[in-house]
Amino acid sequence: MSAAPEPNATVVPHPSSGFRGTLWTAAGGELPVQTYEHEHEVVLMVLTELEEPPVGEESDATLEYTSVRGIIRLHGEAVFKDASLVHFRAEGDPEVIQRRQFVRVHASREAIIDSPPLYAPRATQTVDISGGGMLLSGADHLRIGDVVRFEIRFGDNEPPAEGVARVVRIDSNGRRALRFEAIHEDDRQRLIRYVFELMRAARAKTRGDLI
C-alpha cells in the first residue's frame, strides 16, 4: 500500500488533466506550462527543460492559461520548487481575456470532413475558427442540419483537432457555418489557444512589435 501524502504536500495530477498555458517571468523567460488550479494558488508543470532553474527563488510573473472559464491572465509571484514544478500565487483577481462564448478569428486551415450521404472524406478550407465552431469554404454539398465528422489540421508536426459538427447556417457567399457538437476538451483548448495566438500576433503587427 502506498503511503499517504504528507500534510500540505502538493499533489500534482496527471498532465492530461490540467490546462495548457504560458508563464512569463520578470527575467524575460517565456515557459510553456500545464496548469492546475489548487486551493489558493496555481500549480504549474514546466513543459520544457531548464538548464538552471531558480529553485526556491520568488519571481514576479504573469500567467496565461485556458480554463473552463476562458483564457485567464494572472499577475503574481512564481516559486520554482524544482526544475519542472512551480507554485504561482496570484495578486488580485484574474483577468478573463477571452470568455467561453468563443471569439472567432479569420484563419485558413485545411479541414477534412466526412459528410452525408456517403461519409467519404472531403477536403475543405476554414474561413474562420473559434472554440465553438468554424466557417467552411468548399463544402457546397452540405445542407443546414447535416452532421459531419471533421479534422482541422494545424500542420505536419501537430495532430489535428477532431470532432463532430452540425451545419447551422449558409451565408450569402455559400459558405457553411458549423457548430461543434462533440469535441474533446483538449482539442477545444488547442483551438482556443490557436485563436488567441492569431489575435495576439495581429495586435503585435498593428503596434509594430516584433513577434
N, C-alpha and C. Protein backbone atom coordinates (compact mmCIF):
# COMPACT_ATOMS: atom_id res chain seq x y z
N MET A 1 0.86 -1.20 0.00
CA MET A 1 0.00 0.00 0.00
C MET A 1 0.89 1.24 0.00
N SER A 2 0.59 2.21 -0.88
CA SER A 2 1.41 3.42 -0.95
C SER A 2 1.10 4.32 0.22
N ALA A 3 2.11 5.09 0.61
CA ALA A 3 1.96 5.99 1.75
C ALA A 3 1.08 7.16 1.39
N ALA A 4 0.35 7.65 2.38
CA ALA A 4 -0.50 8.83 2.15
C ALA A 4 0.37 10.05 2.00
N PRO A 5 -0.06 11.05 1.21
CA PRO A 5 0.74 12.26 1.05
C PRO A 5 0.89 13.00 2.36
N GLU A 6 2.05 13.65 2.53
CA GLU A 6 2.30 14.41 3.74
C GLU A 6 1.35 15.59 3.81
N PRO A 7 1.03 16.06 5.01
CA PRO A 7 0.17 17.24 5.14
C PRO A 7 0.76 18.42 4.39
N ASN A 8 -0.11 19.21 3.74
CA ASN A 8 0.28 20.40 2.99
C ASN A 8 1.10 20.09 1.75
N ALA A 9 1.31 18.80 1.42
CA ALA A 9 2.04 18.47 0.20
C ALA A 9 1.16 18.73 -1.01
N THR A 10 1.78 19.17 -2.09
CA THR A 10 1.04 19.42 -3.32
C THR A 10 0.96 18.14 -4.12
N VAL A 11 -0.24 17.71 -4.43
CA VAL A 11 -0.45 16.54 -5.26
C VAL A 11 -0.72 17.01 -6.68
N VAL A 12 0.21 16.74 -7.59
CA VAL A 12 0.07 17.19 -8.97
C VAL A 12 -0.65 16.12 -9.77
N PRO A 13 -1.76 16.45 -10.42
CA PRO A 13 -2.49 15.47 -11.22
C PRO A 13 -1.71 15.05 -12.45
N HIS A 14 -2.27 14.08 -13.15
CA HIS A 14 -1.68 13.66 -14.42
C HIS A 14 -1.71 14.83 -15.38
N PRO A 15 -0.65 15.03 -16.22
CA PRO A 15 -0.60 16.20 -17.10
C PRO A 15 -1.83 16.41 -17.97
N SER A 16 -2.49 15.34 -18.40
CA SER A 16 -3.63 15.49 -19.30
C SER A 16 -4.83 16.12 -18.62
N SER A 17 -4.82 16.22 -17.27
CA SER A 17 -5.98 16.76 -16.57
C SER A 17 -5.89 18.26 -16.35
N GLY A 18 -4.75 18.87 -16.69
CA GLY A 18 -4.59 20.30 -16.46
C GLY A 18 -4.92 21.13 -17.70
N PHE A 19 -4.56 22.41 -17.62
CA PHE A 19 -4.80 23.35 -18.72
C PHE A 19 -3.45 23.87 -19.21
N ARG A 20 -3.29 23.95 -20.52
CA ARG A 20 -2.06 24.49 -21.08
C ARG A 20 -2.01 26.00 -20.91
N GLY A 21 -0.80 26.52 -20.71
CA GLY A 21 -0.64 27.96 -20.57
C GLY A 21 0.79 28.38 -20.80
N THR A 22 1.05 29.68 -20.52
CA THR A 22 2.38 30.27 -20.68
C THR A 22 2.70 31.10 -19.46
N LEU A 23 3.91 30.94 -18.95
CA LEU A 23 4.39 31.72 -17.81
C LEU A 23 5.48 32.66 -18.29
N TRP A 24 5.28 33.97 -18.05
CA TRP A 24 6.29 34.97 -18.35
C TRP A 24 6.91 35.43 -17.04
N THR A 25 8.23 35.34 -16.92
CA THR A 25 8.92 35.74 -15.70
C THR A 25 9.51 37.13 -15.85
N ALA A 26 9.88 37.73 -14.70
CA ALA A 26 10.44 39.08 -14.72
C ALA A 26 11.76 39.13 -15.46
N ALA A 27 12.46 37.99 -15.53
CA ALA A 27 13.74 37.93 -16.23
C ALA A 27 13.59 37.84 -17.75
N GLY A 28 12.35 37.80 -18.22
CA GLY A 28 12.12 37.73 -19.66
C GLY A 28 11.89 36.33 -20.19
N GLY A 29 11.82 35.35 -19.31
CA GLY A 29 11.58 33.98 -19.76
C GLY A 29 10.13 33.77 -20.17
N GLU A 30 9.91 32.90 -21.16
CA GLU A 30 8.57 32.53 -21.61
C GLU A 30 8.50 31.01 -21.63
N LEU A 31 7.78 30.43 -20.67
CA LEU A 31 7.80 28.99 -20.47
C LEU A 31 6.43 28.39 -20.76
N PRO A 32 6.38 27.32 -21.59
CA PRO A 32 5.12 26.59 -21.74
C PRO A 32 4.88 25.76 -20.49
N VAL A 33 3.65 25.79 -19.97
CA VAL A 33 3.34 25.08 -18.72
C VAL A 33 1.99 24.40 -18.83
N GLN A 34 1.81 23.41 -17.96
CA GLN A 34 0.50 22.80 -17.72
C GLN A 34 0.04 23.30 -16.36
N THR A 35 -1.16 23.83 -16.27
CA THR A 35 -1.60 24.48 -15.04
C THR A 35 -2.68 23.67 -14.34
N TYR A 36 -2.66 23.74 -13.00
CA TYR A 36 -3.64 23.04 -12.17
C TYR A 36 -4.09 24.00 -11.07
N GLU A 37 -5.38 24.33 -11.06
CA GLU A 37 -5.91 25.21 -10.04
C GLU A 37 -5.99 24.42 -8.74
N HIS A 38 -5.24 24.87 -7.72
CA HIS A 38 -5.09 24.10 -6.49
C HIS A 38 -5.24 25.03 -5.30
N GLU A 39 -6.42 24.96 -4.64
CA GLU A 39 -6.70 25.76 -3.45
C GLU A 39 -6.44 27.24 -3.72
N HIS A 40 -5.46 27.86 -3.04
CA HIS A 40 -5.25 29.30 -3.14
C HIS A 40 -4.13 29.67 -4.10
N GLU A 41 -3.67 28.74 -4.90
CA GLU A 41 -2.61 29.02 -5.85
C GLU A 41 -2.80 28.14 -7.08
N VAL A 42 -1.95 28.37 -8.07
CA VAL A 42 -1.96 27.56 -9.28
C VAL A 42 -0.64 26.80 -9.32
N VAL A 43 -0.73 25.50 -9.49
CA VAL A 43 0.46 24.67 -9.61
C VAL A 43 0.78 24.50 -11.08
N LEU A 44 2.05 24.71 -11.44
CA LEU A 44 2.48 24.67 -12.84
C LEU A 44 3.49 23.55 -13.05
N MET A 45 3.32 22.80 -14.12
CA MET A 45 4.31 21.84 -14.55
C MET A 45 4.97 22.39 -15.80
N VAL A 46 6.27 22.64 -15.74
CA VAL A 46 7.02 23.21 -16.86
C VAL A 46 7.19 22.15 -17.94
N LEU A 47 6.88 22.51 -19.18
CA LEU A 47 6.88 21.56 -20.28
C LEU A 47 8.12 21.67 -21.16
N THR A 48 9.18 22.23 -20.62
CA THR A 48 10.44 22.29 -21.34
C THR A 48 11.57 22.11 -20.33
N GLU A 49 12.75 21.76 -20.80
CA GLU A 49 13.88 21.55 -19.91
C GLU A 49 14.56 22.88 -19.59
N LEU A 50 14.86 23.08 -18.31
CA LEU A 50 15.55 24.28 -17.87
C LEU A 50 16.95 23.92 -17.40
N GLU A 51 17.94 24.61 -17.93
CA GLU A 51 19.32 24.29 -17.55
C GLU A 51 19.62 24.69 -16.12
N GLU A 52 19.19 25.90 -15.72
CA GLU A 52 19.47 26.40 -14.37
C GLU A 52 18.20 27.00 -13.77
N PRO A 53 17.27 26.16 -13.34
CA PRO A 53 16.03 26.69 -12.75
C PRO A 53 16.32 27.40 -11.43
N PRO A 54 15.69 28.56 -11.20
CA PRO A 54 15.93 29.32 -9.96
C PRO A 54 15.16 28.73 -8.79
N VAL A 55 15.55 27.53 -8.36
CA VAL A 55 14.82 26.80 -7.32
C VAL A 55 14.80 27.61 -6.03
N GLY A 56 13.61 27.76 -5.46
CA GLY A 56 13.44 28.45 -4.19
C GLY A 56 13.30 29.95 -4.29
N GLU A 57 13.57 30.53 -5.46
CA GLU A 57 13.50 31.97 -5.61
C GLU A 57 12.09 32.41 -6.01
N GLU A 58 11.68 33.56 -5.50
CA GLU A 58 10.40 34.15 -5.89
C GLU A 58 10.63 35.13 -7.02
N SER A 59 9.74 35.12 -8.00
CA SER A 59 9.88 36.00 -9.15
C SER A 59 8.53 36.56 -9.53
N ASP A 60 8.50 37.88 -9.80
CA ASP A 60 7.28 38.46 -10.36
C ASP A 60 7.02 37.80 -11.72
N ALA A 61 5.76 37.47 -11.98
CA ALA A 61 5.47 36.72 -13.20
C ALA A 61 4.03 36.99 -13.63
N THR A 62 3.79 36.67 -14.89
CA THR A 62 2.44 36.72 -15.46
C THR A 62 2.12 35.35 -16.03
N LEU A 63 0.93 34.87 -15.75
CA LEU A 63 0.49 33.56 -16.21
C LEU A 63 -0.77 33.71 -17.05
N GLU A 64 -0.79 33.04 -18.22
CA GLU A 64 -2.00 32.95 -19.03
C GLU A 64 -2.27 31.49 -19.31
N TYR A 65 -3.52 31.09 -19.18
CA TYR A 65 -3.89 29.71 -19.48
C TYR A 65 -5.36 29.62 -19.83
N THR A 66 -5.70 28.56 -20.53
CA THR A 66 -7.08 28.32 -20.94
C THR A 66 -7.75 27.42 -19.92
N SER A 67 -8.86 27.88 -19.36
CA SER A 67 -9.61 27.07 -18.41
C SER A 67 -11.05 26.97 -18.89
N VAL A 68 -11.91 26.36 -18.08
CA VAL A 68 -13.32 26.26 -18.44
C VAL A 68 -13.99 27.63 -18.47
N ARG A 69 -13.37 28.65 -17.88
CA ARG A 69 -13.93 30.00 -17.88
C ARG A 69 -13.50 30.81 -19.09
N GLY A 70 -12.50 30.33 -19.82
CA GLY A 70 -11.95 31.06 -20.94
C GLY A 70 -10.45 31.18 -20.77
N ILE A 71 -9.84 32.17 -21.44
CA ILE A 71 -8.41 32.41 -21.29
C ILE A 71 -8.21 33.37 -20.12
N ILE A 72 -7.44 32.90 -19.13
CA ILE A 72 -7.25 33.62 -17.87
C ILE A 72 -5.86 34.23 -17.84
N ARG A 73 -5.77 35.47 -17.38
CA ARG A 73 -4.47 36.11 -17.16
C ARG A 73 -4.35 36.47 -15.69
N LEU A 74 -3.22 36.10 -15.08
CA LEU A 74 -2.95 36.38 -13.68
C LEU A 74 -1.58 37.02 -13.53
N HIS A 75 -1.47 37.97 -12.60
CA HIS A 75 -0.19 38.55 -12.23
C HIS A 75 0.10 38.14 -10.79
N GLY A 76 1.36 37.82 -10.50
CA GLY A 76 1.69 37.41 -9.14
C GLY A 76 3.13 36.98 -9.01
N GLU A 77 3.38 36.01 -8.12
CA GLU A 77 4.72 35.52 -7.85
C GLU A 77 4.82 34.04 -8.18
N ALA A 78 5.92 33.68 -8.82
CA ALA A 78 6.20 32.28 -9.15
C ALA A 78 7.37 31.80 -8.31
N VAL A 79 7.23 30.62 -7.74
CA VAL A 79 8.30 30.00 -6.94
C VAL A 79 8.61 28.63 -7.54
N PHE A 80 9.84 28.45 -8.00
CA PHE A 80 10.26 27.17 -8.56
C PHE A 80 10.58 26.20 -7.42
N LYS A 81 9.85 25.09 -7.38
CA LYS A 81 10.12 24.05 -6.39
C LYS A 81 11.23 23.12 -6.85
N ASP A 82 11.29 22.88 -8.16
CA ASP A 82 12.38 22.14 -8.78
C ASP A 82 12.39 22.51 -10.25
N ALA A 83 13.06 21.72 -11.09
CA ALA A 83 13.21 22.08 -12.50
C ALA A 83 11.90 22.01 -13.28
N SER A 84 10.91 21.31 -12.76
CA SER A 84 9.68 21.13 -13.52
C SER A 84 8.42 21.55 -12.79
N LEU A 85 8.52 21.97 -11.52
CA LEU A 85 7.34 22.29 -10.72
C LEU A 85 7.43 23.71 -10.18
N VAL A 86 6.37 24.49 -10.43
CA VAL A 86 6.32 25.88 -10.00
C VAL A 86 5.00 26.12 -9.27
N HIS A 87 5.08 26.87 -8.17
CA HIS A 87 3.87 27.33 -7.49
C HIS A 87 3.67 28.80 -7.84
N PHE A 88 2.46 29.15 -8.28
CA PHE A 88 2.16 30.53 -8.68
C PHE A 88 1.09 31.08 -7.76
N ARG A 89 1.40 32.19 -7.08
CA ARG A 89 0.46 32.85 -6.18
C ARG A 89 0.01 34.16 -6.83
N ALA A 90 -1.27 34.26 -7.10
CA ALA A 90 -1.81 35.42 -7.82
C ALA A 90 -1.99 36.60 -6.88
N GLU A 91 -1.80 37.80 -7.43
CA GLU A 91 -2.08 39.04 -6.72
C GLU A 91 -3.26 39.70 -7.42
N GLY A 92 -4.36 39.83 -6.72
CA GLY A 92 -5.55 40.42 -7.33
C GLY A 92 -6.40 39.39 -8.04
N ASP A 93 -7.47 39.87 -8.61
CA ASP A 93 -8.43 38.99 -9.28
C ASP A 93 -7.94 38.62 -10.68
N PRO A 94 -8.31 37.44 -11.16
CA PRO A 94 -7.93 37.04 -12.51
C PRO A 94 -8.62 37.90 -13.56
N GLU A 95 -7.93 38.09 -14.68
CA GLU A 95 -8.50 38.81 -15.82
C GLU A 95 -8.90 37.79 -16.87
N VAL A 96 -10.17 37.77 -17.25
CA VAL A 96 -10.64 36.86 -18.28
C VAL A 96 -10.54 37.61 -19.61
N ILE A 97 -9.56 37.23 -20.44
CA ILE A 97 -9.31 37.99 -21.66
C ILE A 97 -9.99 37.37 -22.87
N GLN A 98 -10.49 36.16 -22.72
CA GLN A 98 -11.36 35.59 -23.76
C GLN A 98 -12.35 34.67 -23.08
N ARG A 99 -13.62 35.02 -23.11
CA ARG A 99 -14.62 34.25 -22.40
C ARG A 99 -15.10 33.07 -23.23
N ARG A 100 -15.91 32.23 -22.59
CA ARG A 100 -16.30 30.98 -23.21
C ARG A 100 -17.29 31.13 -24.35
N GLN A 101 -17.74 32.36 -24.67
CA GLN A 101 -18.58 32.46 -25.86
C GLN A 101 -17.76 32.43 -27.13
N PHE A 102 -16.46 32.19 -27.03
CA PHE A 102 -15.61 31.82 -28.16
C PHE A 102 -15.49 32.91 -29.22
N VAL A 103 -14.43 33.66 -29.12
CA VAL A 103 -14.11 34.67 -30.12
C VAL A 103 -13.67 33.98 -31.41
N ARG A 104 -14.14 34.51 -32.55
CA ARG A 104 -13.74 33.96 -33.84
C ARG A 104 -12.58 34.77 -34.42
N VAL A 105 -11.78 34.11 -35.23
CA VAL A 105 -10.68 34.78 -35.91
C VAL A 105 -10.58 34.23 -37.32
N HIS A 106 -10.28 35.08 -38.29
CA HIS A 106 -10.08 34.62 -39.66
C HIS A 106 -8.84 33.74 -39.71
N ALA A 107 -8.99 32.55 -40.24
CA ALA A 107 -7.88 31.61 -40.30
C ALA A 107 -8.15 30.59 -41.39
N SER A 108 -7.19 30.43 -42.29
CA SER A 108 -7.33 29.46 -43.37
C SER A 108 -6.53 28.22 -43.04
N ARG A 109 -7.25 27.15 -42.70
CA ARG A 109 -6.62 25.87 -42.39
C ARG A 109 -7.35 24.78 -43.15
N GLU A 110 -6.64 23.72 -43.48
CA GLU A 110 -7.28 22.59 -44.15
C GLU A 110 -8.19 21.87 -43.15
N ALA A 111 -9.40 21.58 -43.59
CA ALA A 111 -10.35 20.81 -42.78
C ALA A 111 -10.87 19.64 -43.61
N ILE A 112 -10.80 18.45 -43.05
CA ILE A 112 -11.30 17.25 -43.70
C ILE A 112 -12.63 16.89 -43.05
N ILE A 113 -13.67 16.73 -43.87
CA ILE A 113 -14.98 16.38 -43.33
C ILE A 113 -15.47 15.08 -43.96
N ASP A 114 -16.13 14.27 -43.16
CA ASP A 114 -16.85 13.08 -43.63
C ASP A 114 -18.33 13.45 -43.57
N SER A 115 -18.93 13.64 -44.74
CA SER A 115 -20.27 14.19 -44.76
C SER A 115 -21.26 13.23 -45.41
N PRO A 116 -22.55 13.40 -45.11
CA PRO A 116 -23.57 12.55 -45.70
C PRO A 116 -23.71 12.87 -47.20
N PRO A 117 -24.23 11.93 -47.99
CA PRO A 117 -24.79 10.63 -47.54
C PRO A 117 -23.77 9.50 -47.46
N LEU A 118 -22.60 9.67 -48.08
CA LEU A 118 -21.64 8.56 -48.17
C LEU A 118 -20.60 8.60 -47.06
N TYR A 119 -20.46 9.72 -46.39
CA TYR A 119 -19.42 9.88 -45.36
C TYR A 119 -18.04 9.52 -45.89
N ALA A 120 -17.72 10.07 -47.07
CA ALA A 120 -16.39 9.91 -47.65
C ALA A 120 -15.58 11.17 -47.33
N PRO A 121 -14.31 11.02 -46.93
CA PRO A 121 -13.51 12.20 -46.57
C PRO A 121 -13.43 13.20 -47.73
N ARG A 122 -13.56 14.47 -47.39
CA ARG A 122 -13.52 15.53 -48.40
C ARG A 122 -12.76 16.71 -47.82
N ALA A 123 -11.83 17.27 -48.62
CA ALA A 123 -11.03 18.40 -48.16
C ALA A 123 -11.78 19.70 -48.36
N THR A 124 -11.80 20.53 -47.32
CA THR A 124 -12.37 21.87 -47.39
C THR A 124 -11.37 22.83 -46.75
N GLN A 125 -11.76 24.10 -46.60
CA GLN A 125 -10.88 25.10 -46.03
C GLN A 125 -11.65 25.94 -45.03
N THR A 126 -11.06 26.20 -43.88
CA THR A 126 -11.72 27.08 -42.91
C THR A 126 -11.56 28.54 -43.37
N VAL A 127 -12.60 29.32 -43.11
CA VAL A 127 -12.56 30.76 -43.32
C VAL A 127 -12.31 31.45 -41.99
N ASP A 128 -13.00 30.99 -40.97
CA ASP A 128 -12.70 31.44 -39.62
C ASP A 128 -12.93 30.28 -38.65
N ILE A 129 -12.37 30.40 -37.46
CA ILE A 129 -12.40 29.34 -36.45
C ILE A 129 -12.64 29.97 -35.09
N SER A 130 -13.33 29.26 -34.21
CA SER A 130 -13.43 29.61 -32.80
C SER A 130 -13.41 28.31 -32.01
N GLY A 131 -13.49 28.43 -30.69
CA GLY A 131 -13.58 27.24 -29.87
C GLY A 131 -14.92 26.55 -29.95
N GLY A 132 -15.90 27.20 -30.61
CA GLY A 132 -17.24 26.64 -30.68
C GLY A 132 -17.71 26.26 -32.06
N GLY A 133 -16.91 26.60 -33.10
CA GLY A 133 -17.35 26.27 -34.45
C GLY A 133 -16.41 26.81 -35.49
N MET A 134 -16.84 26.73 -36.77
CA MET A 134 -15.99 27.19 -37.86
C MET A 134 -16.87 27.53 -39.06
N LEU A 135 -16.31 28.34 -39.96
CA LEU A 135 -16.94 28.66 -41.23
C LEU A 135 -16.10 28.03 -42.33
N LEU A 136 -16.75 27.27 -43.23
CA LEU A 136 -16.03 26.50 -44.24
C LEU A 136 -16.34 27.00 -45.64
N SER A 137 -15.31 27.00 -46.49
CA SER A 137 -15.50 27.15 -47.93
C SER A 137 -15.22 25.78 -48.57
N GLY A 138 -15.78 25.57 -49.75
CA GLY A 138 -15.58 24.30 -50.43
C GLY A 138 -16.43 23.17 -49.90
N ALA A 139 -17.55 23.51 -49.26
CA ALA A 139 -18.45 22.49 -48.71
C ALA A 139 -19.87 22.73 -49.20
N ASP A 140 -20.00 23.05 -50.50
CA ASP A 140 -21.29 23.45 -51.06
C ASP A 140 -22.34 22.34 -51.02
N HIS A 141 -21.90 21.10 -50.85
CA HIS A 141 -22.85 19.98 -50.83
C HIS A 141 -23.58 19.85 -49.50
N LEU A 142 -23.12 20.55 -48.47
CA LEU A 142 -23.73 20.41 -47.14
C LEU A 142 -25.01 21.23 -47.05
N ARG A 143 -25.98 20.69 -46.31
CA ARG A 143 -27.24 21.36 -46.07
C ARG A 143 -27.37 21.70 -44.58
N ILE A 144 -28.20 22.68 -44.28
CA ILE A 144 -28.42 23.03 -42.88
C ILE A 144 -28.99 21.81 -42.14
N GLY A 145 -28.39 21.51 -41.01
CA GLY A 145 -28.80 20.35 -40.22
C GLY A 145 -27.93 19.14 -40.41
N ASP A 146 -27.11 19.11 -41.49
CA ASP A 146 -26.22 17.97 -41.70
C ASP A 146 -25.21 17.88 -40.55
N VAL A 147 -24.91 16.67 -40.15
CA VAL A 147 -23.91 16.40 -39.11
C VAL A 147 -22.72 15.74 -39.77
N VAL A 148 -21.52 16.26 -39.50
CA VAL A 148 -20.30 15.75 -40.14
C VAL A 148 -19.24 15.44 -39.09
N ARG A 149 -18.38 14.52 -39.43
CA ARG A 149 -17.14 14.33 -38.68
C ARG A 149 -16.09 15.23 -39.31
N PHE A 150 -15.21 15.82 -38.49
CA PHE A 150 -14.24 16.76 -39.04
C PHE A 150 -12.86 16.58 -38.43
N GLU A 151 -11.86 17.03 -39.17
CA GLU A 151 -10.49 17.21 -38.70
C GLU A 151 -10.03 18.59 -39.14
N ILE A 152 -9.49 19.38 -38.22
CA ILE A 152 -8.87 20.65 -38.57
C ILE A 152 -7.37 20.46 -38.41
N ARG A 153 -6.62 20.70 -39.46
CA ARG A 153 -5.20 20.41 -39.47
C ARG A 153 -4.39 21.68 -39.23
N PHE A 154 -3.48 21.60 -38.25
CA PHE A 154 -2.66 22.74 -37.88
C PHE A 154 -1.31 22.74 -38.57
N GLY A 155 -0.82 21.59 -38.96
CA GLY A 155 0.50 21.48 -39.58
C GLY A 155 1.00 20.06 -39.50
N ASP A 156 2.17 19.83 -40.11
CA ASP A 156 2.70 18.47 -40.19
C ASP A 156 3.10 17.91 -38.84
N ASN A 157 3.51 18.76 -37.91
CA ASN A 157 4.06 18.28 -36.64
C ASN A 157 3.07 18.31 -35.49
N GLU A 158 1.81 18.55 -35.78
CA GLU A 158 0.81 18.63 -34.71
C GLU A 158 -0.42 17.84 -35.13
N PRO A 159 -0.98 17.04 -34.23
CA PRO A 159 -2.18 16.26 -34.59
C PRO A 159 -3.37 17.17 -34.85
N PRO A 160 -4.29 16.75 -35.70
CA PRO A 160 -5.46 17.58 -35.98
C PRO A 160 -6.43 17.60 -34.81
N ALA A 161 -7.26 18.64 -34.76
CA ALA A 161 -8.39 18.66 -33.84
C ALA A 161 -9.54 17.93 -34.52
N GLU A 162 -10.19 17.03 -33.77
CA GLU A 162 -11.22 16.18 -34.35
C GLU A 162 -12.52 16.31 -33.57
N GLY A 163 -13.62 16.01 -34.25
CA GLY A 163 -14.90 16.01 -33.56
C GLY A 163 -16.06 15.86 -34.51
N VAL A 164 -17.23 16.22 -34.02
CA VAL A 164 -18.46 16.16 -34.80
C VAL A 164 -19.08 17.55 -34.78
N ALA A 165 -19.58 18.01 -35.95
CA ALA A 165 -20.15 19.35 -36.05
C ALA A 165 -21.45 19.30 -36.85
N ARG A 166 -22.28 20.32 -36.64
CA ARG A 166 -23.55 20.42 -37.34
C ARG A 166 -23.59 21.73 -38.14
N VAL A 167 -24.10 21.66 -39.37
CA VAL A 167 -24.27 22.84 -40.21
C VAL A 167 -25.45 23.65 -39.67
N VAL A 168 -25.20 24.92 -39.31
CA VAL A 168 -26.26 25.74 -38.71
C VAL A 168 -26.62 26.94 -39.57
N ARG A 169 -25.80 27.26 -40.59
CA ARG A 169 -26.08 28.45 -41.37
C ARG A 169 -25.33 28.37 -42.70
N ILE A 170 -25.90 28.98 -43.74
CA ILE A 170 -25.23 29.16 -45.02
C ILE A 170 -25.24 30.65 -45.32
N ASP A 171 -24.05 31.26 -45.49
CA ASP A 171 -24.02 32.71 -45.69
C ASP A 171 -24.26 33.08 -47.14
N SER A 172 -24.23 34.37 -47.44
CA SER A 172 -24.57 34.85 -48.77
C SER A 172 -23.56 34.43 -49.83
N ASN A 173 -22.37 34.00 -49.39
CA ASN A 173 -21.35 33.51 -50.32
C ASN A 173 -21.36 31.98 -50.44
N GLY A 174 -22.35 31.34 -49.83
CA GLY A 174 -22.45 29.89 -49.92
C GLY A 174 -21.56 29.15 -48.96
N ARG A 175 -20.91 29.85 -48.05
CA ARG A 175 -20.03 29.19 -47.07
C ARG A 175 -20.87 28.63 -45.93
N ARG A 176 -20.43 27.47 -45.42
CA ARG A 176 -21.20 26.77 -44.39
C ARG A 176 -20.64 27.06 -43.00
N ALA A 177 -21.53 27.51 -42.10
CA ALA A 177 -21.16 27.71 -40.70
C ALA A 177 -21.52 26.45 -39.92
N LEU A 178 -20.55 25.90 -39.18
CA LEU A 178 -20.75 24.67 -38.42
C LEU A 178 -20.53 24.93 -36.94
N ARG A 179 -21.38 24.36 -36.12
CA ARG A 179 -21.23 24.42 -34.67
C ARG A 179 -20.73 23.07 -34.19
N PHE A 180 -19.71 23.08 -33.33
CA PHE A 180 -19.18 21.83 -32.80
C PHE A 180 -20.20 21.18 -31.87
N GLU A 181 -20.55 19.93 -32.17
CA GLU A 181 -21.48 19.17 -31.35
C GLU A 181 -20.75 18.28 -30.35
N ALA A 182 -19.60 17.76 -30.76
CA ALA A 182 -18.79 16.89 -29.90
C ALA A 182 -17.34 17.10 -30.26
N ILE A 183 -16.53 17.48 -29.26
CA ILE A 183 -15.10 17.70 -29.47
C ILE A 183 -14.40 17.47 -28.14
N HIS A 184 -13.26 16.79 -28.17
CA HIS A 184 -12.52 16.54 -26.95
C HIS A 184 -12.05 17.88 -26.38
N GLU A 185 -12.10 18.03 -25.06
CA GLU A 185 -11.76 19.30 -24.44
C GLU A 185 -10.32 19.71 -24.74
N ASP A 186 -9.39 18.76 -24.86
CA ASP A 186 -8.02 19.11 -25.22
C ASP A 186 -7.96 19.74 -26.60
N ASP A 187 -8.74 19.19 -27.55
CA ASP A 187 -8.77 19.76 -28.89
C ASP A 187 -9.42 21.15 -28.88
N ARG A 188 -10.47 21.32 -28.07
CA ARG A 188 -11.09 22.65 -27.98
C ARG A 188 -10.11 23.66 -27.42
N GLN A 189 -9.37 23.26 -26.41
CA GLN A 189 -8.37 24.16 -25.83
C GLN A 189 -7.30 24.54 -26.85
N ARG A 190 -6.89 23.55 -27.67
CA ARG A 190 -5.89 23.85 -28.70
C ARG A 190 -6.43 24.86 -29.71
N LEU A 191 -7.72 24.73 -30.08
CA LEU A 191 -8.33 25.68 -30.99
C LEU A 191 -8.39 27.08 -30.36
N ILE A 192 -8.77 27.15 -29.09
CA ILE A 192 -8.85 28.44 -28.42
C ILE A 192 -7.47 29.09 -28.33
N ARG A 193 -6.44 28.28 -28.00
CA ARG A 193 -5.09 28.82 -27.95
C ARG A 193 -4.64 29.30 -29.33
N TYR A 194 -5.01 28.56 -30.37
CA TYR A 194 -4.66 28.94 -31.73
C TYR A 194 -5.32 30.28 -32.08
N VAL A 195 -6.59 30.43 -31.74
CA VAL A 195 -7.29 31.69 -31.97
C VAL A 195 -6.60 32.83 -31.22
N PHE A 196 -6.26 32.58 -29.96
CA PHE A 196 -5.62 33.60 -29.14
C PHE A 196 -4.27 34.00 -29.72
N GLU A 197 -3.48 33.03 -30.18
CA GLU A 197 -2.16 33.34 -30.75
C GLU A 197 -2.30 34.18 -32.01
N LEU A 198 -3.29 33.87 -32.84
CA LEU A 198 -3.51 34.67 -34.04
C LEU A 198 -3.91 36.10 -33.68
N MET A 199 -4.76 36.24 -32.67
CA MET A 199 -5.18 37.57 -32.23
C MET A 199 -3.99 38.35 -31.68
N ARG A 200 -3.16 37.69 -30.88
CA ARG A 200 -2.00 38.36 -30.30
C ARG A 200 -1.01 38.78 -31.39
N ALA A 201 -0.81 37.90 -32.39
CA ALA A 201 0.09 38.24 -33.49
C ALA A 201 -0.45 39.42 -34.29
N ALA A 202 -1.77 39.46 -34.49
CA ALA A 202 -2.36 40.57 -35.24
C ALA A 202 -2.21 41.87 -34.47
N ARG A 203 -2.41 41.83 -33.14
CA ARG A 203 -2.24 43.05 -32.34
C ARG A 203 -0.79 43.52 -32.36
N ALA A 204 0.15 42.56 -32.31
CA ALA A 204 1.57 42.92 -32.31
C ALA A 204 1.96 43.58 -33.63
N LYS A 205 1.44 43.06 -34.75
CA LYS A 205 1.76 43.65 -36.05
C LYS A 205 1.17 45.05 -36.16
N THR A 206 -0.04 45.23 -35.61
CA THR A 206 -0.66 46.54 -35.63
C THR A 206 0.17 47.57 -34.86
N ARG A 207 0.75 47.12 -33.73
CA ARG A 207 1.59 48.02 -32.93
C ARG A 207 2.99 48.15 -33.48
N GLY A 208 3.37 47.26 -34.41
CA GLY A 208 4.72 47.27 -34.94
C GLY A 208 5.70 46.51 -34.08
N ASP A 209 5.20 45.68 -33.16
CA ASP A 209 6.07 44.88 -32.29
C ASP A 209 6.72 43.77 -33.08
N LEU A 210 7.84 43.30 -32.57
CA LEU A 210 8.47 42.10 -33.10
C LEU A 210 7.86 40.89 -32.44
N ILE A 211 7.59 39.83 -33.19
CA ILE A 211 6.98 38.62 -32.64
C ILE A 211 8.06 37.57 -32.46
